[in-house]
Amino acid sequence: MKRVLHGIDVSNWQGTVDWAGHAEAGVAFAFAKATEGGDYTDKWFARNWNGMRESWIVCGAYHFARPKGDPVEQARHFLNVIRSAGGLRRGDLIALDLEDDDGLRPERVARHARRWCHHVERHTGVRPFIYTFQSFAHGGNCAGLAEYPLWIASPHSPRGRPPVPRPWSDWTIHQYAGSPIDRNVFHGTRQELTRLGFDPR
């Protein structure tokens, strides 16, 4: 039987998060919203980033994509916010939240996402997760992103059994519940998860 890790994801909507309590309850990894677009910073991010770290939870940071904006400018903003919150350490995870097309055609959305990911990967060595929904991916908004691990939001699927949209052939993280807090699973060990994260070598 393969090991399952339990995780959560949070943003400013949650306000103060009891990280020690979540760790005691078995939460092994988490993602916190850092940025959105080219200039928005989640005011709780630094507190969440440090709270996860202090509770020995695998740390993840995500950026909410605004495809109408400049992807490189958004990637720089994201990395600057992480840096000012204490920076990346070994095993830290990165994700792009790709769920809003800003009224653009799918190929424009997918190109924005690819350019954002390339910039982040070039400057951190980390291959970002792509967080998305099945219908959004089916619309063509994720074309060319198959090389990045899929974090699929599918709350109506049994935990650990989400449908996998193209261009992916498998999922890496499944967000299976969204109330009162977003809950996720990763099939594998902590070591396997952190291998997908930052490596300072």
Protein backbone atom coordinates (compact mmCIF):
# COMPACT_ATOMS: atom_id res chain seq x y z
CA MET A 1 0.00 0.00 0.00
CA LYS A 2 1.50 3.30 -1.05
CA ARG A 3 1.92 5.98 1.58
CA VAL A 4 -0.47 8.95 1.40
CA LEU A 5 0.48 12.42 2.63
CA HIS A 6 -2.22 14.84 3.70
CA GLY A 7 -2.00 18.53 2.91
CA ILE A 8 -3.94 21.79 2.94
CA ASP A 9 -3.79 25.04 1.02
CA VAL A 10 -4.60 28.50 2.35
CA SER A 11 -4.82 32.15 1.39
CA ASN A 12 -5.83 35.41 3.03
CA TRP A 13 -9.40 34.07 3.19
CA GLN A 14 -8.39 31.80 6.09
CA GLY A 15 -6.87 34.60 8.18
CA THR A 16 -4.76 33.24 11.05
CA VAL A 17 -3.88 29.57 10.53
CA ASP A 18 -3.06 27.26 13.45
CA TRP A 19 -0.08 25.54 11.84
CA ALA A 20 0.97 23.65 14.96
CA GLY A 21 -2.58 22.29 15.28
CA HIS A 22 -2.65 21.19 11.63
CA ALA A 23 0.73 19.47 12.03
CA GLU A 24 -0.53 17.61 15.11
CA ALA A 25 -3.61 16.55 13.13
CA GLY A 26 -1.41 14.92 10.48
CA VAL A 27 -0.99 17.65 7.85
CA ALA A 28 2.37 16.94 6.19
CA PHE A 29 2.46 19.58 3.43
CA ALA A 30 0.77 22.86 2.61
CA PHE A 31 0.60 25.60 0.01
CA ALA A 32 0.01 29.24 0.87
CA LYS A 33 -0.95 31.92 -1.62
CA ALA A 34 1.91 34.37 -2.11
CA THR A 35 0.91 36.58 -5.02
CA GLU A 36 -1.62 37.32 -7.74
CA GLY A 37 -0.92 39.13 -10.98
CA GLY A 38 1.99 41.55 -11.15
CA ASP A 39 1.60 43.48 -7.91
CA TYR A 40 -0.76 41.81 -5.39
CA THR A 41 0.83 40.19 -2.34
CA ASP A 42 -1.19 38.06 0.08
CA LYS A 43 -0.81 39.86 3.41
CA TRP A 44 -0.76 36.57 5.34
CA PHE A 45 1.89 34.88 3.20
CA ALA A 46 5.00 35.62 5.28
CA ARG A 47 3.23 34.52 8.47
CA ASN A 48 1.99 31.32 6.78
CA TRP A 49 5.38 30.56 5.21
CA ASN A 50 7.14 30.81 8.57
CA GLY A 51 4.33 29.03 10.41
CA MET A 52 4.58 26.03 8.09
CA ARG A 53 8.34 25.96 8.48
CA GLU A 54 8.20 26.13 12.29
CA SER A 55 5.73 23.23 12.35
CA TRP A 56 7.89 20.99 10.09
CA ILE A 57 5.26 21.02 7.36
CA VAL A 58 6.60 20.81 3.78
CA CYS A 59 6.27 24.42 2.55
CA GLY A 60 4.61 25.34 -0.72
CA ALA A 61 3.96 28.77 -2.22
CA TYR A 62 1.56 29.50 -5.07
CA HIS A 63 0.93 32.33 -7.50
CA PHE A 64 -2.54 33.06 -8.89
CA ALA A 65 -2.02 33.67 -12.61
CA ARG A 66 -3.52 36.70 -14.34
CA PRO A 67 -2.91 35.79 -18.01
CA LYS A 68 -3.59 39.35 -19.25
CA GLY A 69 -0.46 40.54 -17.46
CA ASP A 70 3.23 40.01 -18.23
CA PRO A 71 4.21 36.48 -17.10
CA VAL A 72 7.85 37.39 -16.42
CA GLU A 73 6.85 40.41 -14.34
CA GLN A 74 4.44 38.17 -12.38
CA ALA A 75 7.13 35.52 -11.86
CA ARG A 76 9.61 38.12 -10.61
CA HIS A 77 7.02 39.53 -8.21
CA PHE A 78 6.31 36.01 -6.89
CA LEU A 79 9.99 35.19 -6.33
CA ASN A 80 10.62 38.56 -4.65
CA VAL A 81 7.77 37.96 -2.20
CA ILE A 82 9.15 34.50 -1.30
CA ARG A 83 12.61 36.03 -0.85
CA SER A 84 11.31 38.73 1.48
CA ALA A 85 9.49 36.06 3.56
CA GLY A 86 12.73 34.16 4.19
CA GLY A 87 13.43 32.52 0.84
CA LEU A 88 13.43 28.94 -0.40
CA ARG A 89 14.96 26.05 1.50
CA ARG A 90 15.57 22.46 0.49
CA GLY A 91 12.34 20.69 -0.44
CA ASP A 92 10.14 23.81 -0.70
CA LEU A 93 7.44 23.57 -3.39
CA ILE A 94 6.14 26.08 -5.95
CA ALA A 95 2.82 26.13 -7.80
CA LEU A 96 1.00 28.15 -10.43
CA ASP A 97 -2.74 28.49 -9.84
CA LEU A 98 -4.14 28.45 -13.37
CA GLU A 99 -7.92 28.75 -13.28
CA ASP A 100 -8.87 32.15 -14.75
CA ASP A 101 -8.48 32.99 -18.44
CA ASP A 102 -8.96 36.76 -18.00
CA GLY A 103 -11.17 36.58 -21.12
CA LEU A 104 -8.26 35.45 -23.32
CA ARG A 105 -8.12 32.62 -25.82
CA PRO A 106 -6.77 29.28 -24.51
CA GLU A 107 -3.51 29.47 -26.46
CA ARG A 108 -2.74 32.87 -24.90
CA VAL A 109 -3.46 31.51 -21.41
CA ALA A 110 -1.27 28.45 -21.98
CA ARG A 111 1.57 30.57 -23.38
CA HIS A 112 1.42 32.85 -20.34
CA ALA A 113 1.64 29.81 -18.03
CA ARG A 114 4.57 28.29 -19.93
CA ARG A 115 6.54 31.55 -19.82
CA TRP A 116 5.85 31.99 -16.09
CA CYS A 117 6.97 28.42 -15.38
CA HIS A 118 10.11 28.74 -17.51
CA HIS A 119 11.18 31.90 -15.67
CA VAL A 120 10.58 30.39 -12.24
CA GLU A 121 12.32 27.13 -13.15
CA ARG A 122 15.30 28.97 -14.60
CA HIS A 123 15.77 31.05 -11.45
CA THR A 124 15.02 28.42 -8.78
CA GLY A 125 15.62 25.02 -10.38
CA VAL A 126 12.10 24.06 -9.25
CA ARG A 127 9.52 22.71 -11.68
CA PRO A 128 6.24 24.32 -10.56
CA PHE A 129 3.07 22.35 -9.96
CA ILE A 130 0.13 23.41 -12.11
CA TYR A 131 -3.06 23.76 -10.08
CA THR A 132 -6.11 23.63 -12.30
CA PHE A 133 -9.60 22.21 -12.86
CA GLN A 134 -10.58 19.52 -15.31
CA SER A 135 -12.88 21.77 -17.37
CA PHE A 136 -10.25 24.53 -17.55
CA ALA A 137 -7.61 22.09 -18.81
CA HIS A 138 -10.06 20.50 -21.26
CA GLY A 139 -10.60 23.94 -22.78
CA GLY A 140 -6.97 23.98 -23.97
CA ASN A 141 -5.67 26.42 -21.35
CA CYS A 142 -2.92 24.02 -20.20
CA ALA A 143 -1.43 23.10 -23.59
CA GLY A 144 2.29 22.38 -23.40
CA LEU A 145 2.36 22.00 -19.62
CA ALA A 146 2.55 18.19 -19.40
CA GLU A 147 6.15 18.33 -18.12
CA TYR A 148 4.94 20.04 -14.93
CA PRO A 149 3.35 18.02 -12.12
CA LEU A 150 -0.44 18.25 -11.98
CA TRP A 151 -2.25 19.47 -8.87
CA ILE A 152 -5.84 18.78 -9.82
CA ALA A 153 -8.86 20.34 -8.11
CA SER A 154 -11.59 17.71 -8.21
CA PRO A 155 -13.75 17.88 -5.09
CA HIS A 156 -16.44 15.62 -6.56
CA SER A 157 -14.06 12.69 -7.08
CA PRO A 158 -13.18 10.08 -4.46
CA ARG A 159 -10.04 11.05 -2.58
CA GLY A 160 -6.98 10.00 -4.57
CA ARG A 161 -9.01 9.07 -7.66
CA PRO A 162 -9.43 12.27 -9.69
CA PRO A 163 -9.91 12.30 -13.47
CA VAL A 164 -6.74 13.38 -15.27
CA PRO A 165 -7.24 15.93 -18.06
CA ARG A 166 -4.97 16.29 -21.06
CA PRO A 167 -2.14 17.09 -21.55
CA TRP A 168 -1.30 15.07 -18.41
CA SER A 169 -1.30 11.30 -18.09
CA ASP A 170 -1.22 11.25 -14.28
CA TRP A 171 -1.86 13.47 -11.27
CA THR A 172 0.56 14.36 -8.46
CA ILE A 173 -1.64 16.18 -5.92
CA HIS A 174 -5.42 15.88 -5.65
CA GLN A 175 -7.42 18.65 -3.99
CA TYR A 176 -10.43 16.62 -2.92
CA ALA A 177 -12.27 18.93 -0.50
CA GLY A 178 -12.76 22.65 -0.17
CA SER A 179 -14.73 23.30 3.00
CA PRO A 180 -13.99 24.61 5.56
CA ILE A 181 -10.39 24.36 4.29
CA ASP A 182 -8.93 23.01 1.04
CA ARG A 183 -7.62 19.47 1.56
CA ASN A 184 -5.15 17.62 -0.63
CA VAL A 185 -3.44 14.25 -0.92
CA PHE A 186 -0.11 13.19 -2.40
CA HIS A 187 0.57 9.51 -3.08
CA GLY A 188 4.08 8.95 -1.80
CA THR A 189 6.48 9.73 1.01
CA ARG A 190 7.66 13.06 2.37
CA GLN A 191 11.02 12.40 0.71
CA GLU A 192 9.35 11.80 -2.66
CA LEU A 193 7.39 15.04 -2.33
CA THR A 194 10.37 17.20 -1.32
CA ARG A 195 12.34 15.81 -4.28
CA LEU A 196 9.93 17.84 -6.41
CA GLY A 197 10.99 20.98 -4.56
CA PHE A 198 13.95 23.28 -4.17
CA ASP A 199 17.45 21.83 -4.14
CA PRO A 200 20.12 24.44 -3.28
CA ARG A 201 23.00 22.44 -4.81
